[in-house]
């Protein structure tokens, strides 16, 4: 329990931000899972659509500071290689 009004406000802000951050990371993980399943199934059109959605979600997470930019670059690079292997 917070002892001061400012500490109480910070606790409320942290609670709110934690939910937003968790939602963002879940979206990234879910879209990554979708992409991996599409690549594994071998359906190029489905994989391309899922990849575009994943990259968009990932870039938004980087912009918000939820994912490090190098991590995003690594995921995008691996995804590009996987999509190229489907062709």
PDB file of N, CA and C in Angstrom:
ATOM      1  N   UNK A   1       0.848  -1.176   0.000  1.00  0.00           N
ATOM      2  CA  UNK A   1       0.000   0.000   0.000  1.00  0.00           C
ATOM      3  C   UNK A   1       0.897   1.243   0.000  1.00  0.00           C
ATOM      4  N   UNK A   2       0.537   2.189  -0.843  1.00  0.00           N
ATOM      5  CA  UNK A   2       1.317   3.415  -0.955  1.00  0.00           C
ATOM      6  C   UNK A   2       1.066   4.326   0.245  1.00  0.00           C
ATOM      7  N   UNK A   3       2.127   4.993   0.671  1.00  0.00           N
ATOM      8  CA  UNK A   3       2.027   5.872   1.832  1.00  0.00           C
ATOM      9  C   UNK A   3       1.702   7.313   1.472  1.00  0.00           C
ATOM     10  N   UNK A   4       1.982   7.694   0.243  1.00  0.00           N
ATOM     11  CA  UNK A   4       1.741   9.083  -0.161  1.00  0.00           C
ATOM     12  C   UNK A   4       0.848   9.094  -1.396  1.00  0.00           C
ATOM     13  N   UNK A   5       0.199  10.219  -1.640  1.00  0.00           N
ATOM     14  CA  UNK A   5      -0.644  10.310  -2.843  1.00  0.00           C
ATOM     15  C   UNK A   5       0.129  10.095  -4.135  1.00  0.00           C
ATOM     16  N   UNK A   6       1.358  10.594  -4.182  1.00  0.00           N
ATOM     17  CA  UNK A   6       2.158  10.432  -5.398  1.00  0.00           C
ATOM     18  C   UNK A   6       2.531   8.957  -5.611  1.00  0.00           C
ATOM     19  N   UNK A   7       2.807   8.253  -4.523  1.00  0.00           N
ATOM     20  CA  UNK A   7       3.126   6.826  -4.633  1.00  0.00           C
ATOM     21  C   UNK A   7       1.900   6.035  -5.060  1.00  0.00           C
ATOM     22  N   UNK A   8       0.732   6.450  -4.588  1.00  0.00           N
ATOM     23  CA  UNK A   8      -0.510   5.785  -4.984  1.00  0.00           C
ATOM     24  C   UNK A   8      -0.766   5.988  -6.477  1.00  0.00           C
ATOM     25  N   UNK A   9      -0.504   7.199  -6.952  1.00  0.00           N
ATOM     26  CA  UNK A   9      -0.683   7.487  -8.378  1.00  0.00           C
ATOM     27  C   UNK A   9       0.280   6.646  -9.212  1.00  0.00           C
ATOM     28  N   UNK A  10       1.528   6.550  -8.773  1.00  0.00           N
ATOM     29  CA  UNK A  10       2.519   5.759  -9.492  1.00  0.00           C
ATOM     30  C   UNK A  10       2.091   4.293  -9.541  1.00  0.00           C
ATOM     31  N   UNK A  11       1.519   3.797  -8.468  1.00  0.00           N
ATOM     32  CA  UNK A  11       1.058   2.411  -8.433  1.00  0.00           C
ATOM     33  C   UNK A  11      -0.069   2.202  -9.451  1.00  0.00           C
ATOM     34  N   UNK A  12      -0.973   3.177  -9.539  1.00  0.00           N
ATOM     35  CA  UNK A  12      -2.072   3.088 -10.525  1.00  0.00           C
ATOM     36  C   UNK A  12      -1.521   3.123 -11.946  1.00  0.00           C
ATOM     37  N   UNK A  13      -0.550   4.013 -12.183  1.00  0.00           N
ATOM     38  CA  UNK A  13       0.040   4.120 -13.519  1.00  0.00           C
ATOM     39  C   UNK A  13       0.757   2.830 -13.904  1.00  0.00           C
ATOM     40  N   UNK A  14       1.489   2.270 -12.962  1.00  0.00           N
ATOM     41  CA  UNK A  14       2.222   1.034 -13.219  1.00  0.00           C
ATOM     42  C   UNK A  14       1.266  -0.098 -13.564  1.00  0.00           C
ATOM     43  N   UNK A  15       0.174  -0.168 -12.831  1.00  0.00           N
ATOM     44  CA  UNK A  15      -0.829  -1.203 -13.083  1.00  0.00           C
ATOM     45  C   UNK A  15      -1.384  -1.085 -14.507  1.00  0.00           C
ATOM     46  N   UNK A  16      -1.713   0.134 -14.906  1.00  0.00           N
ATOM     47  CA  UNK A  16      -2.268   0.392 -16.229  1.00  0.00           C
ATOM     48  C   UNK A  16      -1.251   0.054 -17.324  1.00  0.00           C
ATOM     49  N   UNK A  17      -0.015   0.513 -17.123  1.00  0.00           N
ATOM     50  CA  UNK A  17       1.031   0.293 -18.123  1.00  0.00           C
ATOM     51  C   UNK A  17       1.402  -1.178 -18.241  1.00  0.00           C
ATOM     52  N   UNK A  18       1.359  -1.891 -17.120  1.00  0.00           N
ATOM     53  CA  UNK A  18       1.663  -3.317 -17.137  1.00  0.00           C
ATOM     54  C   UNK A  18       0.668  -4.056 -18.018  1.00  0.00           C
ATOM     55  N   UNK A  19      -0.599  -3.704 -17.914  1.00  0.00           N
ATOM     56  CA  UNK A  19      -1.621  -4.332 -18.749  1.00  0.00           C
ATOM     57  C   UNK A  19      -1.387  -4.039 -20.227  1.00  0.00           C
ATOM     58  N   UNK A  20      -1.061  -2.790 -20.531  1.00  0.00           N
ATOM     59  CA  UNK A  20      -0.814  -2.397 -21.924  1.00  0.00           C
ATOM     60  C   UNK A  20       0.409  -3.132 -22.468  1.00  0.00           C
ATOM     61  N   UNK A  21       1.487  -3.188 -21.679  1.00  0.00           N
ATOM     62  CA  UNK A  21       2.705  -3.866 -22.116  1.00  0.00           C
ATOM     63  C   UNK A  21       2.468  -5.353 -22.325  1.00  0.00           C
ATOM     64  N   UNK A  22       1.703  -5.961 -21.426  1.00  0.00           N
ATOM     65  CA  UNK A  22       1.410  -7.388 -21.537  1.00  0.00           C
ATOM     66  C   UNK A  22       0.588  -7.659 -22.793  1.00  0.00           C
ATOM     67  N   UNK A  23      -0.370  -6.779 -23.080  1.00  0.00           N
ATOM     68  CA  UNK A  23      -1.202  -6.925 -24.275  1.00  0.00           C
ATOM     69  C   UNK A  23      -0.345  -6.834 -25.540  1.00  0.00           C
ATOM     70  N   UNK A  24       0.595  -5.889 -25.552  1.00  0.00           N
ATOM     71  CA  UNK A  24       1.463  -5.710 -26.707  1.00  0.00           C
ATOM     72  C   UNK A  24       2.352  -6.931 -26.933  1.00  0.00           C
ATOM     73  N   UNK A  25       2.974  -7.430 -25.872  1.00  0.00           N
ATOM     74  CA  UNK A  25       3.858  -8.582 -26.007  1.00  0.00           C
ATOM     75  C   UNK A  25       3.078  -9.836 -26.397  1.00  0.00           C
ATOM     76  N   UNK A  26       1.868  -9.971 -25.890  1.00  0.00           N
ATOM     77  CA  UNK A  26       1.028 -11.111 -26.272  1.00  0.00           C
ATOM     78  C   UNK A  26       0.696 -11.044 -27.754  1.00  0.00           C
ATOM     79  N   UNK A  27       0.408  -9.858 -28.255  1.00  0.00           N
ATOM     80  CA  UNK A  27       0.102  -9.699 -29.678  1.00  0.00           C
ATOM     81  C   UNK A  27       1.303 -10.090 -30.531  1.00  0.00           C
ATOM     82  N   UNK A  28       2.505  -9.698 -30.097  1.00  0.00           N
ATOM     83  CA  UNK A  28       3.721 -10.046 -30.835  1.00  0.00           C
ATOM     84  C   UNK A  28       3.909 -11.560 -30.836  1.00  0.00           C
ATOM     85  N   UNK A  29       3.778 -12.171 -29.674  1.00  0.00           N
ATOM     86  CA  UNK A  29       3.975 -13.617 -29.575  1.00  0.00           C
ATOM     87  C   UNK A  29       2.940 -14.387 -30.383  1.00  0.00           C
ATOM     88  N   UNK A  30       1.685 -13.942 -30.323  1.00  0.00           N
ATOM     89  CA  UNK A  30       0.630 -14.630 -31.068  1.00  0.00           C
ATOM     90  C   UNK A  30       0.836 -14.512 -32.572  1.00  0.00           C
ATOM     91  N   UNK A  31       1.226 -13.334 -33.037  1.00  0.00           N
ATOM     92  CA  UNK A  31       1.438 -13.177 -34.480  1.00  0.00           C
ATOM     93  C   UNK A  31       2.673 -13.954 -34.932  1.00  0.00           C
ATOM     94  N   UNK A  32       3.693 -14.052 -34.085  1.00  0.00           N
ATOM     95  CA  UNK A  32       4.875 -14.858 -34.415  1.00  0.00           C
ATOM     96  C   UNK A  32       4.487 -16.328 -34.540  1.00  0.00           C
ATOM     97  N   UNK A  33       3.640 -16.769 -33.636  1.00  0.00           N
ATOM     98  CA  UNK A  33       3.172 -18.152 -33.670  1.00  0.00           C
ATOM     99  C   UNK A  33       2.396 -18.421 -34.964  1.00  0.00           C
ATOM    100  N   UNK A  34       1.553 -17.474 -35.370  1.00  0.00           N
ATOM    101  CA  UNK A  34       0.784 -17.604 -36.602  1.00  0.00           C
ATOM    102  C   UNK A  34       1.705 -17.692 -37.812  1.00  0.00           C
ATOM    103  N   UNK A  35       2.730 -16.849 -37.836  1.00  0.00           N
ATOM    104  CA  UNK A  35       3.686 -16.849 -38.946  1.00  0.00           C
ATOM    105  C   UNK A  35       4.417 -18.184 -39.013  1.00  0.00           C
ATOM    106  N   UNK A  36       4.879 -18.662 -37.876  1.00  0.00           N
ATOM    107  CA  UNK A  36       5.618 -19.927 -37.856  1.00  0.00           C
ATOM    108  C   UNK A  36       4.756 -21.093 -38.343  1.00  0.00           C
ATOM    109  N   UNK A  37       3.490 -21.090 -37.944  1.00  0.00           N
ATOM    110  CA  UNK A  37       2.571 -22.144 -38.393  1.00  0.00           C
ATOM    111  C   UNK A  37       2.345 -22.051 -39.898  1.00  0.00           C
ATOM    112  N   UNK A  38       2.201 -20.832 -40.428  1.00  0.00           N
ATOM    113  CA  UNK A  38       1.983 -20.642 -41.864  1.00  0.00           C
ATOM    114  C   UNK A  38       3.202 -21.091 -42.660  1.00  0.00           C
ATOM    115  N   UNK A  39       4.389 -20.769 -42.164  1.00  0.00           N
ATOM    116  CA  UNK A  39       5.618 -21.167 -42.858  1.00  0.00           C
ATOM    117  C   UNK A  39       5.761 -22.692 -42.813  1.00  0.00           C
ATOM    118  N   UNK A  40       5.443 -23.256 -41.665  1.00  0.00           N
ATOM    119  CA  UNK A  40       5.559 -24.708 -41.493  1.00  0.00           C
ATOM    120  C   UNK A  40       4.598 -25.459 -42.420  1.00  0.00           C
ATOM    121  N   UNK A  41       3.402 -24.886 -42.633  1.00  0.00           N
ATOM    122  CA  UNK A  41       2.419 -25.531 -43.502  1.00  0.00           C
ATOM    123  C   UNK A  41       2.811 -25.420 -44.978  1.00  0.00           C
ATOM    124  N   UNK A  42       3.671 -24.456 -45.307  1.00  0.00           N
ATOM    125  CA  UNK A  42       4.157 -24.312 -46.672  1.00  0.00           C
ATOM    126  C   UNK A  42       3.281 -23.462 -47.568  1.00  0.00           C
ATOM    127  N   UNK A  43       2.262 -22.808 -47.013  1.00  0.00           N
ATOM    128  CA  UNK A  43       1.366 -21.958 -47.803  1.00  0.00           C
ATOM    129  C   UNK A  43       1.975 -20.559 -47.915  1.00  0.00           C
ATOM    130  N   UNK A  44       2.511 -20.251 -49.091  1.00  0.00           N
ATOM    131  CA  UNK A  44       3.238 -18.994 -49.274  1.00  0.00           C
ATOM    132  C   UNK A  44       2.349 -17.764 -49.108  1.00  0.00           C
ATOM    133  N   UNK A  45       1.162 -17.768 -49.712  1.00  0.00           N
ATOM    134  CA  UNK A  45       0.277 -16.599 -49.640  1.00  0.00           C
ATOM    135  C   UNK A  45      -0.140 -16.320 -48.191  1.00  0.00           C
ATOM    136  N   UNK A  46      -0.480 -17.375 -47.489  1.00  0.00           N
ATOM    137  CA  UNK A  46      -0.873 -17.238 -46.078  1.00  0.00           C
ATOM    138  C   UNK A  46       0.305 -16.752 -45.239  1.00  0.00           C
ATOM    139  N   UNK A  47       1.487 -17.277 -45.527  1.00  0.00           N
ATOM    140  CA  UNK A  47       2.693 -16.890 -44.789  1.00  0.00           C
ATOM    141  C   UNK A  47       3.037 -15.422 -45.037  1.00  0.00           C
ATOM    142  N   UNK A  48       2.869 -14.955 -46.282  1.00  0.00           N
ATOM    143  CA  UNK A  48       3.155 -13.553 -46.599  1.00  0.00           C
ATOM    144  C   UNK A  48       2.227 -12.611 -45.838  1.00  0.00           C
ATOM    145  N   UNK A  49       0.947 -12.956 -45.816  1.00  0.00           N
ATOM    146  CA  UNK A  49      -0.030 -12.129 -45.100  1.00  0.00           C
ATOM    147  C   UNK A  49       0.288 -12.102 -43.606  1.00  0.00           C
ATOM    148  N   UNK A  50       0.560 -13.263 -43.038  1.00  0.00           N
ATOM    149  CA  UNK A  50       0.884 -13.353 -41.613  1.00  0.00           C
ATOM    150  C   UNK A  50       2.180 -12.599 -41.313  1.00  0.00           C
ATOM    151  N   UNK A  51       3.137 -12.659 -42.238  1.00  0.00           N
ATOM    152  CA  UNK A  51       4.419 -11.981 -42.038  1.00  0.00           C
ATOM    153  C   UNK A  51       4.231 -10.469 -42.011  1.00  0.00           C
ATOM    154  N   UNK A  52       3.409  -9.967 -42.921  1.00  0.00           N
ATOM    155  CA  UNK A  52       3.162  -8.517 -42.946  1.00  0.00           C
ATOM    156  C   UNK A  52       2.534  -8.058 -41.632  1.00  0.00           C
ATOM    157  N   UNK A  53       1.577  -8.830 -41.153  1.00  0.00           N
ATOM    158  CA  UNK A  53       0.913  -8.490 -39.885  1.00  0.00           C
ATOM    159  C   UNK A  53       1.915  -8.555 -38.726  1.00  0.00           C
ATOM    160  N   UNK A  54       2.765  -9.580 -38.737  1.00  0.00           N
ATOM    161  CA  UNK A  54       3.757  -9.745 -37.676  1.00  0.00           C
ATOM    162  C   UNK A  54       4.752  -8.591 -37.650  1.00  0.00           C
ATOM    163  N   UNK A  55       5.249  -8.206 -38.813  1.00  0.00           N
ATOM    164  CA  UNK A  55       6.230  -7.115 -38.886  1.00  0.00           C
ATOM    165  C   UNK A  55       5.612  -5.813 -38.385  1.00  0.00           C
ATOM    166  N   UNK A  56       4.359  -5.580 -38.755  1.00  0.00           N
ATOM    167  CA  UNK A  56       3.664  -4.379 -38.289  1.00  0.00           C
ATOM    168  C   UNK A  56       3.529  -4.376 -36.769  1.00  0.00           C
ATOM    169  N   UNK A  57       3.100  -5.511 -36.225  1.00  0.00           N
ATOM    170  CA  UNK A  57       2.940  -5.642 -34.768  1.00  0.00           C
ATOM    171  C   UNK A  57       4.284  -5.466 -34.070  1.00  0.00           C
ATOM    172  N   UNK A  58       5.308  -6.058 -34.639  1.00  0.00           N
ATOM    173  CA  UNK A  58       6.645  -5.981 -34.056  1.00  0.00           C
ATOM    174  C   UNK A  58       7.168  -4.546 -34.062  1.00  0.00           C
ATOM    175  N   UNK A  59       6.971  -3.843 -35.177  1.00  0.00           N
ATOM    176  CA  UNK A  59       7.430  -2.453 -35.269  1.00  0.00           C
ATOM    177  C   UNK A  59       6.706  -1.558 -34.263  1.00  0.00           C
ATOM    178  N   UNK A  60       5.428  -1.818 -34.052  1.00  0.00           N
ATOM    179  CA  UNK A  60       4.687  -1.043 -33.051  1.00  0.00           C
ATOM    180  C   UNK A  60       5.213  -1.319 -31.653  1.00  0.00           C
ATOM    181  N   UNK A  61       5.585  -2.569 -31.385  1.00  0.00           N
ATOM    182  CA  UNK A  61       6.137  -2.919 -30.070  1.00  0.00           C
ATOM    183  C   UNK A  61       7.492  -2.253 -29.856  1.00  0.00           C
ATOM    184  N   UNK A  62       8.285  -2.163 -30.918  1.00  0.00           N
ATOM    185  CA  UNK A  62       9.588  -1.488 -30.822  1.00  0.00           C
ATOM    186  C   UNK A  62       9.374  -0.009 -30.559  1.00  0.00           C
ATOM    187  N   UNK A  63       8.427   0.570 -31.290  1.00  0.00           N
ATOM    188  CA  UNK A  63       8.131   2.000 -31.132  1.00  0.00           C
ATOM    189  C   UNK A  63       7.705   2.321 -29.704  1.00  0.00           C
ATOM    190  N   UNK A  64       6.971   1.409 -29.085  1.00  0.00           N
ATOM    191  CA  UNK A  64       6.509   1.607 -27.712  1.00  0.00           C
ATOM    192  C   UNK A  64       7.532   1.227 -26.669  1.00  0.00           C
ATOM    193  N   UNK A  65       8.646   0.650 -27.097  1.00  0.00           N
ATOM    194  CA  UNK A  65       9.696   0.286 -26.145  1.00  0.00           C
ATOM    195  C   UNK A  65       9.483  -1.067 -25.496  1.00  0.00           C
ATOM    196  N   UNK A  66       8.577  -1.883 -26.038  1.00  0.00           N
ATOM    197  CA  UNK A  66       8.307  -3.192 -25.450  1.00  0.00           C
ATOM    198  C   UNK A  66       9.284  -4.257 -25.934  1.00  0.00           C
ATOM    199  N   UNK A  67       9.829  -4.058 -27.137  1.00  0.00           N
ATOM    200  CA  UNK A  67      10.772  -4.999 -27.722  1.00  0.00           C
ATOM    201  C   UNK A  67      11.986  -4.199 -28.180  1.00  0.00           C
ATOM    202  N   UNK A  68      13.174  -4.746 -27.970  1.00  0.00           N
ATOM    203  CA  UNK A  68      14.393  -4.067 -28.390  1.00  0.00           C
ATOM    204  C   UNK A  68      14.497  -4.109 -29.909  1.00  0.00           C
ATOM    205  N   UNK A  69      15.037  -3.051 -30.491  1.00  0.00           N
ATOM    206  CA  UNK A  69      15.087  -2.951 -31.952  1.00  0.00           C
ATOM    207  C   UNK A  69      15.940  -4.047 -32.573  1.00  0.00           C
ATOM    208  N   UNK A  70      16.995  -4.476 -31.890  1.00  0.00           N
ATOM    209  CA  UNK A  70      17.834  -5.547 -32.434  1.00  0.00           C
ATOM    210  C   UNK A  70      17.101  -6.886 -32.416  1.00  0.00           C
ATOM    211  N   UNK A  71      16.282  -7.092 -31.414  1.00  0.00           N
ATOM    212  CA  UNK A  71      15.468  -8.303 -31.345  1.00  0.00           C
ATOM    213  C   UNK A  71      14.496  -8.328 -32.513  1.00  0.00           C
ATOM    214  N   UNK A  72      13.889  -7.188 -32.795  1.00  0.00           N
ATOM    215  CA  UNK A  72      12.953  -7.087 -33.913  1.00  0.00           C
ATOM    216  C   UNK A  72      13.670  -7.337 -35.228  1.00  0.00           C
ATOM    217  N   UNK A  73      14.857  -6.783 -35.376  1.00  0.00           N
ATOM    218  CA  UNK A  73      15.626  -6.972 -36.596  1.00  0.00           C
ATOM    219  C   UNK A  73      15.978  -8.446 -36.777  1.00  0.00           C
ATOM    220  N   UNK A  74      16.323  -9.106 -35.698  1.00  0.00           N
ATOM    221  CA  UNK A  74      16.664 -10.524 -35.763  1.00  0.00           C
ATOM    222  C   UNK A  74      15.462 -11.356 -36.197  1.00  0.00           C
ATOM    223  N   UNK A  75      14.296 -11.059 -35.633  1.00  0.00           N
ATOM    224  CA  UNK A  75      13.068 -11.782 -36.006  1.00  0.00           C
ATOM    225  C   UNK A  75      12.721 -11.550 -37.473  1.00  0.00           C
ATOM    226  N   UNK A  76      12.843 -10.301 -37.921  1.00  0.00           N
ATOM    227  CA  UNK A  76      12.502  -9.979 -39.309  1.00  0.00           C
ATOM    228  C   UNK A  76      13.464 -10.651 -40.273  1.00  0.00           C
ATOM    229  N   UNK A  77      14.726 -10.710 -39.912  1.00  0.00           N
ATOM    230  CA  UNK A  77      15.718 -11.350 -40.763  1.00  0.00           C
ATOM    231  C   UNK A  77      15.436 -12.844 -40.888  1.00  0.00           C
ATOM    232  N   UNK A  78      15.172 -13.500 -39.787  1.00  0.00           N
ATOM    233  CA  UNK A  78      14.872 -14.930 -39.803  1.00  0.00           C
ATOM    234  C   UNK A  78      13.590 -15.199 -40.589  1.00  0.00           C
ATOM    235  N   UNK A  79      12.622 -14.321 -40.448  1.00  0.00           N
ATOM    236  CA  UNK A  79      11.369 -14.466 -41.177  1.00  0.00           C
ATOM    237  C   UNK A  79      11.589 -14.330 -42.678  1.00  0.00           C
ATOM    238  N   UNK A  80      12.406 -13.368 -43.076  1.00  0.00           N
ATOM    239  CA  UNK A  80      12.719 -13.180 -44.482  1.00  0.00           C
ATOM    240  C   UNK A  80      13.384 -14.410 -45.084  1.00  0.00           C
ATOM    241  N   UNK A  81      14.307 -15.013 -44.333  1.00  0.00           N
ATOM    242  CA  UNK A  81      14.972 -16.218 -44.802  1.00  0.00           C
ATOM    243  C   UNK A  81      13.996 -17.377 -44.934  1.00  0.00           C
ATOM    244  N   UNK A  82      13.085 -17.499 -43.974  1.00  0.00           N
ATOM    245  CA  UNK A  82      12.094 -18.575 -44.010  1.00  0.00           C
ATOM    246  C   UNK A  82      11.146 -18.408 -45.191  1.00  0.00           C
ATOM    247  N   UNK A  83      10.748 -17.152 -45.469  1.00  0.00           N
ATOM    248  CA  UNK A  83       9.855 -16.901 -46.600  1.00  0.00           C
ATOM    249  C   UNK A  83      10.562 -17.143 -47.930  1.00  0.00           C
ATOM    250  N   UNK A  84      11.828 -16.811 -48.001  1.00  0.00           N
ATOM    251  CA  UNK A  84      12.602 -17.042 -49.220  1.00  0.00           C
ATOM    252  C   UNK A  84      12.762 -18.535 -49.485  1.00  0.00           C
ATOM    253  N   UNK A  85      12.861 -19.317 -48.413  1.00  0.00           N
ATOM    254  CA  UNK A  85      13.003 -20.753 -48.568  1.00  0.00           C
ATOM    255  C   UNK A  85      11.714 -21.400 -49.078  1.00  0.00           C
ATOM    256  N   UNK A  86      10.573 -20.735 -48.859  1.00  0.00           N
ATOM    257  CA  UNK A  86       9.289 -21.264 -49.340  1.00  0.00           C
ATOM    258  C   UNK A  86       9.152 -21.166 -50.856  1.00  0.00           C
ATOM    259  N   UNK A  87       9.814 -20.186 -51.457  1.00  0.00           N
ATOM    260  CA  UNK A  87       9.651 -19.958 -52.895  1.00  0.00           C
ATOM    261  C   UNK A  87      10.144 -21.109 -53.733  1.00  0.00           C
TER     262      UNK A  87
END
